[in-house]
Amino acid sequence: MLHQGATADDERPVSTATTQGTGAPILMETTPQNAKANAPAMEEARGPAMKDGGLFAWLQCAGAFLMFFNSWGLVNSFGAFQTFYEQNLLTRQSPSQIAWIGSLQAFLFIIGGTVAGPLYDHGRLQTLVRSGSFLVVFGMMMTSLGTKYWHLILAQGLTVGIGSAALFVPSIALLPPYFIKRRALATGTAVTGSNLGGVVYAIMFSKLQPRIGFPWTTRVMGFVMLATLSLPLTSLRMRFKPATARKVFDPKPWTELPFAIFAFACFVGFSGLYVPYFYIESFVLQKNIFSVRVAFYVVPILNAGAFIGRLLLSFLADYAGPVNILLISAFACAVLGYVWAAITSPAAIIVFAILFGAFSGTYISVALTTIAVWLCPEISALGLRIGMMCIPCAAGLLIGSPVGGVIAKNDWLGVQMFTGSTLLASTIAVAAVRTMKSGWSIARKC
């Protein structure tokens, strides 16, 4: 017998309880023979904790990694598309108008969590993975046929964005039930797929486009996506399914002051976080810091920095606490946003790209972990909570890069101040939430 909303190809049904002190579920197969025997453990949650990690758990992490590779990785590589569109395919559109393609893709990727989260909580993992995989591949194939602005809005912005949204929540919500001690590391490892995708797809686009043209370059990217999504399509299984159906929208989180302030922190943070990813290649070309042949490597360097930063700092988050690492990352990004204004040399731009990539990548992955371990009272509602937090994150992503494009038409200094100021505001908000939840002690793990 399957839980409500479960599908036959998902994992077998389980009953859940919560272990004391961890918020993690106890997993027990429900059968008529053991139902009575399990009842005391389910009621009091005093049984042994669930298995932490293991080979199958890390297989789920690999699947989540590849879903990020083929969804958020495309957003991280959009800087290469932005420059190409400005100089070739969409010369009649302004940088701000072109940025709406990537911003729409990123917005739908995040805001789709408000729908995908409850679907995940209903046990629809396979539905989300299959539909998302189809749409991102189909969207890239349709992008290869685009010749006008509205073609790319519909294909790359809308279709790929919706497909990415279906992959997003499973990529995050799947992992916390499999891990306790290494939850932040597992989540951070999965999210590094977005940065490796940003490196691979940005270099692939920049190298192949001059040789085989825009249409076949995007088709090759689509075929790579199809191949790498085969693992998630065949191997992902939910650790447990909630016994009761979840709401599509729950106003309760918004009545909790720490959750609301953290939502503001995510809104202003995401408004500035992706401005360098979209415009740094155009910046180095306009300032003659690099030649055209070298400039396209700056976006991959950003993503490589994020890859390294997410692994190292997410590992530290398991010991120092995700909120402390988030606070450090937000402040570092704010400082680097202001420092960007003083950069005029190739060496400085490379150092900036590595450092900003490292801290911005950590900001994204640890912010999601913070919801799981700090702002979610019960892990069975994790998908819903992530979905609620997607609203401010998506709003910030939608408006941030186009606003940066409008400012860039007049002055790069304004773009740099916008980046630094939004991330400074995010830092202050995260610090306020930390103080509300854990007090003023700097040494306290949280």
Protein backbone atom coordinates (compact mmCIF):
# COMPACT_ATOMS: atom_id res chain seq x y z
CA MET A 1 0.00 0.00 0.00
CA LEU A 2 1.44 3.38 -1.00
CA HIS A 3 1.12 6.64 0.84
CA GLN A 4 -1.18 9.26 -0.59
CA GLY A 5 0.39 10.81 -3.66
CA ALA A 6 3.08 8.15 -4.01
CA THR A 7 3.79 6.36 -7.23
CA ALA A 8 4.58 2.75 -7.82
CA ASP A 9 8.09 3.46 -9.02
CA ASP A 10 9.01 5.45 -5.94
CA GLU A 11 10.57 3.91 -2.85
CA ARG A 12 8.53 1.52 -0.69
CA PRO A 13 6.34 3.11 1.98
CA VAL A 14 7.79 3.99 5.31
CA SER A 15 6.49 5.38 8.56
CA THR A 16 8.29 8.26 10.17
CA ALA A 17 9.00 9.54 13.62
CA THR A 18 11.51 12.07 14.82
CA THR A 19 14.67 11.30 16.73
CA GLN A 20 15.32 13.42 19.74
CA GLY A 21 17.72 16.27 19.23
CA THR A 22 18.21 15.81 15.50
CA GLY A 23 14.88 16.38 13.80
CA ALA A 24 15.66 13.34 11.65
CA PRO A 25 13.03 10.70 10.94
CA ILE A 26 13.12 7.11 12.14
CA LEU A 27 12.44 4.88 9.18
CA MET A 28 10.35 1.75 9.72
CA GLU A 29 8.62 -0.32 7.09
CA THR A 30 4.92 -0.48 7.85
CA THR A 31 3.36 -3.91 7.73
CA PRO A 32 0.37 -5.38 9.56
CA GLN A 33 2.75 -7.59 11.56
CA ASN A 34 4.91 -4.82 12.96
CA ALA A 35 2.50 -1.90 13.14
CA LYS A 36 1.73 -2.43 16.82
CA ALA A 37 5.34 -3.06 17.69
CA ASN A 38 6.38 0.16 15.98
CA ALA A 39 3.74 2.32 17.62
CA PRO A 40 5.64 3.18 20.82
CA ALA A 41 8.73 4.20 18.88
CA MET A 42 6.66 6.28 16.49
CA GLU A 43 4.90 8.05 19.34
CA GLU A 44 7.87 8.68 21.59
CA ALA A 45 10.65 8.76 18.95
CA ARG A 46 13.04 6.92 21.23
CA GLY A 47 14.20 4.31 18.79
CA PRO A 48 17.61 4.19 17.12
CA ALA A 49 18.46 6.99 14.74
CA MET A 50 18.24 6.39 11.04
CA LYS A 51 21.32 5.31 9.14
CA ASP A 52 23.53 8.30 8.44
CA GLY A 53 24.97 8.31 4.93
CA GLY A 54 26.11 5.17 3.15
CA LEU A 55 26.63 4.21 -0.50
CA PHE A 56 23.00 4.58 -1.54
CA ALA A 57 22.79 7.98 0.17
CA TRP A 58 25.80 9.24 -1.77
CA LEU A 59 24.24 7.87 -4.97
CA GLN A 60 21.31 10.18 -4.28
CA CYS A 61 23.82 12.99 -3.80
CA ALA A 62 25.35 12.18 -7.21
CA GLY A 63 21.91 12.32 -8.81
CA ALA A 64 21.18 15.66 -7.16
CA PHE A 65 24.59 16.90 -8.33
CA LEU A 66 23.70 16.11 -11.96
CA MET A 67 20.29 17.77 -11.67
CA PHE A 68 22.00 20.95 -10.48
CA PHE A 69 24.56 20.53 -13.28
CA ASN A 70 21.79 20.68 -15.87
CA SER A 71 19.57 23.33 -14.31
CA TRP A 72 21.34 25.94 -12.21
CA GLY A 73 24.49 25.22 -14.21
CA LEU A 74 22.80 26.78 -17.24
CA VAL A 75 22.00 29.91 -15.22
CA ASN A 76 25.62 30.11 -14.06
CA SER A 77 26.82 29.90 -17.66
CA PHE A 78 24.46 32.58 -18.97
CA GLY A 79 27.19 35.20 -18.95
CA ALA A 80 28.63 33.52 -22.07
CA PHE A 81 25.20 33.72 -23.76
CA GLN A 82 24.77 37.33 -22.62
CA THR A 83 27.96 38.45 -24.34
CA PHE A 84 27.20 36.49 -27.53
CA TYR A 85 23.67 37.86 -27.74
CA GLU A 86 24.89 41.44 -27.21
CA GLN A 87 27.51 41.18 -29.93
CA ASN A 88 25.81 38.91 -32.47
CA LEU A 89 22.30 37.52 -32.33
CA LEU A 90 20.44 40.29 -30.48
CA THR A 91 22.33 43.47 -31.32
CA ARG A 92 19.11 45.52 -31.38
CA GLN A 93 18.33 44.68 -27.75
CA SER A 94 19.94 46.41 -24.76
CA PRO A 95 22.00 44.45 -22.20
CA SER A 96 19.15 44.85 -19.73
CA GLN A 97 16.62 43.37 -22.18
CA ILE A 98 18.91 40.43 -22.93
CA ALA A 99 19.43 39.84 -19.21
CA TRP A 100 15.70 39.18 -18.89
CA ILE A 101 16.26 35.84 -20.70
CA GLY A 102 18.62 34.60 -18.00
CA SER A 103 16.69 36.30 -15.21
CA LEU A 104 13.44 34.69 -16.32
CA GLN A 105 15.15 31.31 -16.39
CA ALA A 106 16.56 31.86 -12.89
CA PHE A 107 13.25 33.26 -11.60
CA LEU A 108 11.25 30.27 -12.81
CA PHE A 109 13.93 27.92 -11.51
CA ILE A 110 13.41 29.29 -8.00
CA ILE A 111 9.73 30.32 -7.95
CA GLY A 112 8.75 26.94 -9.32
CA GLY A 113 9.70 25.59 -5.92
CA THR A 114 6.40 26.92 -4.55
CA VAL A 115 4.68 24.28 -6.69
CA ALA A 116 7.41 21.64 -6.83
CA GLY A 117 7.88 21.68 -3.04
CA PRO A 118 4.36 20.47 -2.17
CA LEU A 119 4.45 18.01 -5.07
CA TYR A 120 7.64 16.58 -3.64
CA ASP A 121 6.00 16.33 -0.21
CA HIS A 122 3.19 14.37 -1.88
CA GLY A 123 5.77 11.81 -3.05
CA ARG A 124 5.91 12.93 -6.70
CA LEU A 125 9.69 12.69 -7.01
CA GLN A 126 9.69 10.69 -10.25
CA THR A 127 7.11 12.99 -11.85
CA LEU A 128 9.25 16.03 -11.11
CA VAL A 129 12.51 14.46 -12.32
CA ARG A 130 11.02 13.11 -15.55
CA SER A 131 9.12 16.25 -16.51
CA GLY A 132 12.03 18.50 -15.57
CA SER A 133 14.55 16.44 -17.55
CA PHE A 134 12.34 16.51 -20.64
CA LEU A 135 11.73 20.26 -20.48
CA VAL A 136 15.34 21.37 -20.00
CA VAL A 137 16.52 19.23 -22.92
CA PHE A 138 13.57 20.26 -25.11
CA GLY A 139 14.11 23.91 -24.21
CA MET A 140 17.75 23.83 -25.27
CA MET A 141 16.87 22.14 -28.54
CA MET A 142 14.30 24.87 -29.23
CA THR A 143 16.85 27.52 -28.28
CA SER A 144 19.02 26.21 -31.11
CA LEU A 145 16.26 27.26 -33.54
CA GLY A 146 15.88 30.76 -32.08
CA THR A 147 16.69 33.78 -34.21
CA LYS A 148 14.65 36.48 -32.48
CA TYR A 149 14.38 37.85 -28.96
CA TRP A 150 10.96 36.35 -28.25
CA HIS A 151 12.12 32.95 -29.50
CA LEU A 152 14.82 32.89 -26.83
CA ILE A 153 12.48 34.22 -24.13
CA LEU A 154 10.10 31.31 -24.78
CA ALA A 155 12.71 28.58 -25.27
CA GLN A 156 15.67 29.43 -23.04
CA GLY A 157 13.87 31.61 -20.53
CA LEU A 158 10.45 29.97 -20.14
CA THR A 159 10.83 26.29 -21.12
CA VAL A 160 14.26 25.69 -19.62
CA GLY A 161 13.23 27.71 -16.57
CA ILE A 162 10.13 25.60 -15.90
CA GLY A 163 12.09 22.38 -16.41
CA SER A 164 14.81 23.56 -14.06
CA ALA A 165 12.19 24.36 -11.42
CA ALA A 166 10.97 20.76 -11.51
CA LEU A 167 14.54 19.58 -10.80
CA PHE A 168 15.36 22.14 -8.13
CA VAL A 169 13.38 21.11 -5.03
CA PRO A 170 14.16 17.38 -5.39
CA SER A 171 17.85 18.27 -5.65
CA ILE A 172 17.74 19.87 -2.20
CA ALA A 173 14.91 18.17 -0.31
CA LEU A 174 16.03 14.65 -1.25
CA LEU A 175 19.28 14.74 0.74
CA PRO A 176 18.62 15.86 4.37
CA PRO A 177 16.76 12.63 5.32
CA TYR A 178 19.80 10.59 4.20
CA PHE A 179 22.35 12.53 6.28
CA ILE A 180 22.72 13.88 9.80
CA LYS A 181 26.37 14.63 10.59
CA ARG A 182 27.29 15.42 6.97
CA ARG A 183 24.07 17.13 5.92
CA ALA A 184 25.70 20.46 5.01
CA LEU A 185 28.54 18.70 3.18
CA ALA A 186 26.14 16.53 1.18
CA THR A 187 23.97 19.50 0.22
CA GLY A 188 27.01 21.60 -0.65
CA THR A 189 28.45 18.79 -2.76
CA ALA A 190 25.20 18.46 -4.70
CA VAL A 191 24.98 22.20 -5.29
CA THR A 192 28.54 22.25 -6.68
CA GLY A 193 27.00 20.58 -9.72
CA SER A 194 25.63 23.98 -10.64
CA ASN A 195 29.14 25.43 -10.71
CA LEU A 196 30.69 22.57 -12.62
CA GLY A 197 27.82 22.94 -15.07
CA GLY A 198 28.58 26.66 -15.30
CA VAL A 199 32.22 25.88 -16.09
CA VAL A 200 31.50 23.13 -18.62
CA TYR A 201 28.65 24.80 -20.46
CA ALA A 202 30.29 28.25 -20.60
CA ILE A 203 33.51 26.82 -22.06
CA MET A 204 31.59 24.48 -24.35
CA PHE A 205 29.53 27.36 -25.72
CA SER A 206 32.49 29.71 -26.17
CA LYS A 207 34.67 27.07 -27.84
CA LEU A 208 32.08 25.42 -30.11
CA GLN A 209 30.07 28.44 -31.21
CA PRO A 210 32.79 29.94 -33.46
CA ARG A 211 33.43 26.51 -35.03
CA ILE A 212 30.01 24.94 -35.54
CA GLY A 213 27.69 27.89 -35.04
CA PHE A 214 25.07 28.78 -32.44
CA PRO A 215 22.39 26.21 -33.47
CA TRP A 216 24.60 23.13 -33.28
CA THR A 217 26.41 24.36 -30.17
CA THR A 218 23.16 24.51 -28.21
CA ARG A 219 22.11 21.12 -29.63
CA VAL A 220 25.36 19.55 -28.41
CA MET A 221 24.65 21.03 -25.00
CA GLY A 222 21.19 19.46 -25.13
CA PHE A 223 22.63 16.03 -25.92
CA VAL A 224 25.09 16.34 -23.01
CA MET A 225 22.17 17.21 -20.73
CA LEU A 226 20.21 14.20 -21.92
CA ALA A 227 23.12 11.85 -21.22
CA THR A 228 23.97 13.22 -17.77
CA LEU A 229 20.34 13.22 -16.61
CA SER A 230 20.12 9.45 -17.12
CA LEU A 231 21.44 8.78 -13.59
CA PRO A 232 18.81 10.90 -11.79
CA LEU A 233 16.09 9.40 -13.98
CA THR A 234 16.98 5.86 -12.91
CA SER A 235 18.42 6.03 -9.39
CA LEU A 236 16.68 8.62 -7.21
CA ARG A 237 14.41 7.44 -4.38
CA MET A 238 12.82 9.31 -1.48
CA ARG A 239 13.98 8.18 1.96
CA PHE A 240 10.52 8.70 3.38
CA LYS A 241 7.19 10.25 2.41
CA PRO A 242 4.99 12.34 4.70
CA ALA A 243 1.99 10.38 5.94
CA THR A 244 -0.34 13.33 5.34
CA ALA A 245 -0.79 15.62 2.36
CA ARG A 246 0.87 19.03 2.52
CA LYS A 247 -0.57 22.39 1.56
CA VAL A 248 0.50 24.13 -1.62
CA PHE A 249 0.87 27.34 0.39
CA ASP A 250 1.18 27.69 4.13
CA PRO A 251 1.05 31.19 5.66
CA LYS A 252 2.44 29.96 8.98
CA PRO A 253 6.16 30.40 8.11
CA TRP A 254 5.55 34.05 7.30
CA THR A 255 4.21 34.65 10.81
CA GLU A 256 7.53 33.53 12.25
CA LEU A 257 9.75 36.60 12.54
CA PRO A 258 13.09 34.79 11.97
CA PHE A 259 11.71 33.18 8.79
CA ALA A 260 10.39 36.53 7.51
CA ILE A 261 13.67 38.37 8.17
CA PHE A 262 15.63 35.55 6.58
CA ALA A 263 13.34 35.83 3.54
CA PHE A 264 14.27 39.53 3.27
CA ALA A 265 17.94 38.58 3.54
CA CYS A 266 17.53 36.16 0.63
CA PHE A 267 15.64 38.72 -1.46
CA VAL A 268 18.27 41.45 -1.26
CA GLY A 269 21.13 38.94 -1.39
CA PHE A 270 19.95 37.25 -4.56
CA SER A 271 19.26 40.67 -6.14
CA GLY A 272 22.99 41.38 -6.21
CA LEU A 273 24.52 37.93 -6.13
CA TYR A 274 24.24 37.12 -9.84
CA VAL A 275 25.10 40.53 -11.28
CA PRO A 276 28.80 39.59 -11.64
CA TYR A 277 27.88 36.23 -13.21
CA PHE A 278 25.86 38.00 -15.93
CA TYR A 279 28.07 41.02 -16.61
CA ILE A 280 31.67 40.33 -15.65
CA GLU A 281 32.58 39.16 -19.17
CA SER A 282 31.15 42.34 -20.69
CA PHE A 283 32.97 44.35 -18.02
CA VAL A 284 36.42 42.94 -18.80
CA LEU A 285 35.87 43.45 -22.54
CA GLN A 286 34.72 47.07 -22.20
CA LYS A 287 37.59 47.87 -19.83
CA ASN A 288 40.09 46.08 -22.13
CA ILE A 289 41.31 43.94 -19.24
CA PHE A 290 41.33 40.81 -21.43
CA SER A 291 41.16 40.10 -25.14
CA VAL A 292 38.07 38.44 -26.61
CA ARG A 293 39.88 35.07 -26.74
CA VAL A 294 40.59 35.17 -23.00
CA ALA A 295 37.58 37.06 -21.63
CA PHE A 296 35.18 34.13 -21.92
CA TYR A 297 37.21 32.24 -19.29
CA VAL A 298 36.18 34.70 -16.56
CA VAL A 299 32.71 33.16 -16.10
CA PRO A 300 34.16 29.63 -15.81
CA ILE A 301 36.68 30.97 -13.28
CA LEU A 302 33.78 32.36 -11.23
CA ASN A 303 32.10 28.96 -11.30
CA ALA A 304 35.34 27.12 -10.52
CA GLY A 305 35.78 29.33 -7.47
CA ALA A 306 32.22 28.56 -6.39
CA PHE A 307 32.87 24.84 -6.85
CA ILE A 308 35.89 24.94 -4.53
CA GLY A 309 34.26 27.27 -2.03
CA ARG A 310 31.13 25.19 -1.72
CA LEU A 311 33.09 22.05 -1.01
CA LEU A 312 35.43 23.59 1.57
CA LEU A 313 33.04 25.94 3.34
CA SER A 314 30.14 23.49 3.27
CA PHE A 315 32.46 21.01 4.98
CA LEU A 316 33.24 23.64 7.63
CA ALA A 317 29.52 24.33 8.03
CA ASP A 318 29.08 20.90 9.59
CA TYR A 319 31.41 22.01 12.39
CA ALA A 320 30.93 25.78 12.67
CA GLY A 321 27.21 25.76 11.82
CA PRO A 322 25.55 26.76 8.53
CA VAL A 323 24.35 30.15 9.78
CA ASN A 324 27.84 31.23 10.81
CA ILE A 325 29.24 30.23 7.42
CA LEU A 326 26.33 31.98 5.67
CA LEU A 327 27.05 35.17 7.60
CA ILE A 328 30.74 35.06 6.69
CA SER A 329 29.93 34.38 3.03
CA ALA A 330 27.41 37.21 2.75
CA PHE A 331 29.81 39.71 4.32
CA ALA A 332 32.70 38.56 2.10
CA CYS A 333 30.53 38.96 -1.03
CA ALA A 334 29.54 42.47 0.07
CA VAL A 335 33.16 43.50 0.57
CA LEU A 336 34.16 41.99 -2.78
CA GLY A 337 31.30 43.83 -4.49
CA TYR A 338 32.77 47.14 -3.33
CA VAL A 339 36.35 46.04 -4.11
CA TRP A 340 35.25 45.24 -7.67
CA ALA A 341 35.19 49.00 -8.30
CA ALA A 342 38.97 49.21 -7.87
CA ILE A 343 39.87 46.34 -10.20
CA THR A 344 41.74 47.27 -13.39
CA SER A 345 44.30 44.49 -13.96
CA PRO A 346 44.03 40.89 -15.24
CA ALA A 347 45.50 39.42 -12.04
CA ALA A 348 43.04 41.34 -9.88
CA ILE A 349 40.00 40.26 -11.92
CA ILE A 350 41.07 36.61 -11.67
CA VAL A 351 41.49 36.86 -7.89
CA PHE A 352 38.12 38.63 -7.65
CA ALA A 353 36.41 35.95 -9.75
CA ILE A 354 37.82 33.12 -7.63
CA LEU A 355 36.94 34.73 -4.31
CA PHE A 356 33.51 36.02 -5.28
CA GLY A 357 32.71 32.66 -6.84
CA ALA A 358 33.79 30.84 -3.67
CA PHE A 359 31.74 32.94 -1.27
CA SER A 360 28.70 33.43 -3.52
CA GLY A 361 28.52 29.71 -4.19
CA THR A 362 28.68 28.99 -0.48
CA TYR A 363 26.00 31.62 0.18
CA ILE A 364 23.54 29.79 -2.07
CA SER A 365 24.17 26.26 -0.79
CA VAL A 366 24.36 27.15 2.92
CA ALA A 367 21.24 29.34 2.69
CA LEU A 368 19.31 26.25 1.59
CA THR A 369 20.87 24.16 4.36
CA THR A 370 19.87 26.83 6.87
CA ILE A 371 16.22 26.21 6.00
CA ALA A 372 16.67 22.48 6.56
CA VAL A 373 18.43 22.62 9.93
CA TRP A 374 17.40 25.97 11.42
CA LEU A 375 14.05 27.19 10.06
CA CYS A 376 12.14 23.94 9.54
CA PRO A 377 10.47 22.55 12.69
CA GLU A 378 9.93 19.09 11.16
CA ILE A 379 11.82 17.56 8.27
CA SER A 380 8.67 16.20 6.62
CA ALA A 381 7.71 19.81 5.80
CA LEU A 382 11.10 20.62 4.28
CA GLY A 383 9.84 20.73 0.70
CA LEU A 384 7.10 23.19 1.65
CA ARG A 385 9.49 25.42 3.59
CA ILE A 386 11.98 25.50 0.72
CA GLY A 387 9.09 26.34 -1.58
CA MET A 388 8.06 29.28 0.60
CA MET A 389 11.62 30.61 0.70
CA CYS A 390 11.76 30.36 -3.08
CA ILE A 391 9.42 33.37 -3.38
CA PRO A 392 11.83 36.08 -2.13
CA CYS A 393 14.83 34.37 -3.74
CA ALA A 394 13.09 34.29 -7.12
CA ALA A 395 11.97 37.91 -6.85
CA GLY A 396 15.55 38.99 -6.18
CA LEU A 397 16.89 36.99 -9.11
CA LEU A 398 14.23 38.35 -11.45
CA ILE A 399 14.91 42.01 -10.87
CA GLY A 400 18.58 42.06 -9.86
CA SER A 401 20.37 41.39 -13.14
CA PRO A 402 18.10 43.56 -15.35
CA VAL A 403 18.53 46.41 -12.87
CA GLY A 404 22.27 45.85 -13.13
CA GLY A 405 21.96 46.03 -16.92
CA VAL A 406 20.16 49.39 -16.76
CA ILE A 407 22.84 50.78 -14.43
CA ALA A 408 25.65 49.36 -16.62
CA LYS A 409 24.50 51.48 -19.58
CA ASN A 410 25.70 54.56 -17.73
CA ASP A 411 28.30 53.56 -15.17
CA TRP A 412 30.03 50.35 -14.06
CA LEU A 413 30.64 51.94 -10.65
CA GLY A 414 26.90 51.93 -10.04
CA VAL A 415 26.74 48.21 -10.85
CA GLN A 416 29.52 47.49 -8.38
CA MET A 417 27.94 49.59 -5.62
CA PHE A 418 24.59 47.90 -6.26
CA THR A 419 26.21 44.49 -5.85
CA GLY A 420 28.01 45.40 -2.65
CA SER A 421 25.08 47.22 -1.05
CA THR A 422 22.50 44.50 -1.63
CA LEU A 423 24.80 41.88 -0.16
CA LEU A 424 25.64 44.12 2.80
CA ALA A 425 21.91 44.46 3.52
CA SER A 426 21.64 40.67 3.36
CA THR A 427 24.52 40.34 5.83
CA ILE A 428 22.81 42.62 8.33
CA ALA A 429 19.53 40.70 8.05
CA VAL A 430 21.23 37.30 8.52
CA ALA A 431 23.08 38.69 11.55
CA ALA A 432 19.76 39.87 13.00
CA VAL A 433 18.19 36.43 12.60
CA ARG A 434 21.22 34.73 14.12
CA THR A 435 21.01 37.02 17.14
CA MET A 436 17.29 36.29 17.55
CA LYS A 437 17.82 32.53 17.41
CA SER A 438 21.18 32.10 19.18
CA GLY A 439 22.05 35.29 21.03
CA TRP A 440 25.12 37.50 20.74
CA SER A 441 27.82 34.87 21.32
CA ILE A 442 30.15 34.80 18.32
CA ALA A 443 31.60 31.42 19.28
CA ARG A 444 28.24 29.63 19.39
CA LYS A 445 27.64 27.03 16.67
CA CYS A 446 24.42 27.66 14.79
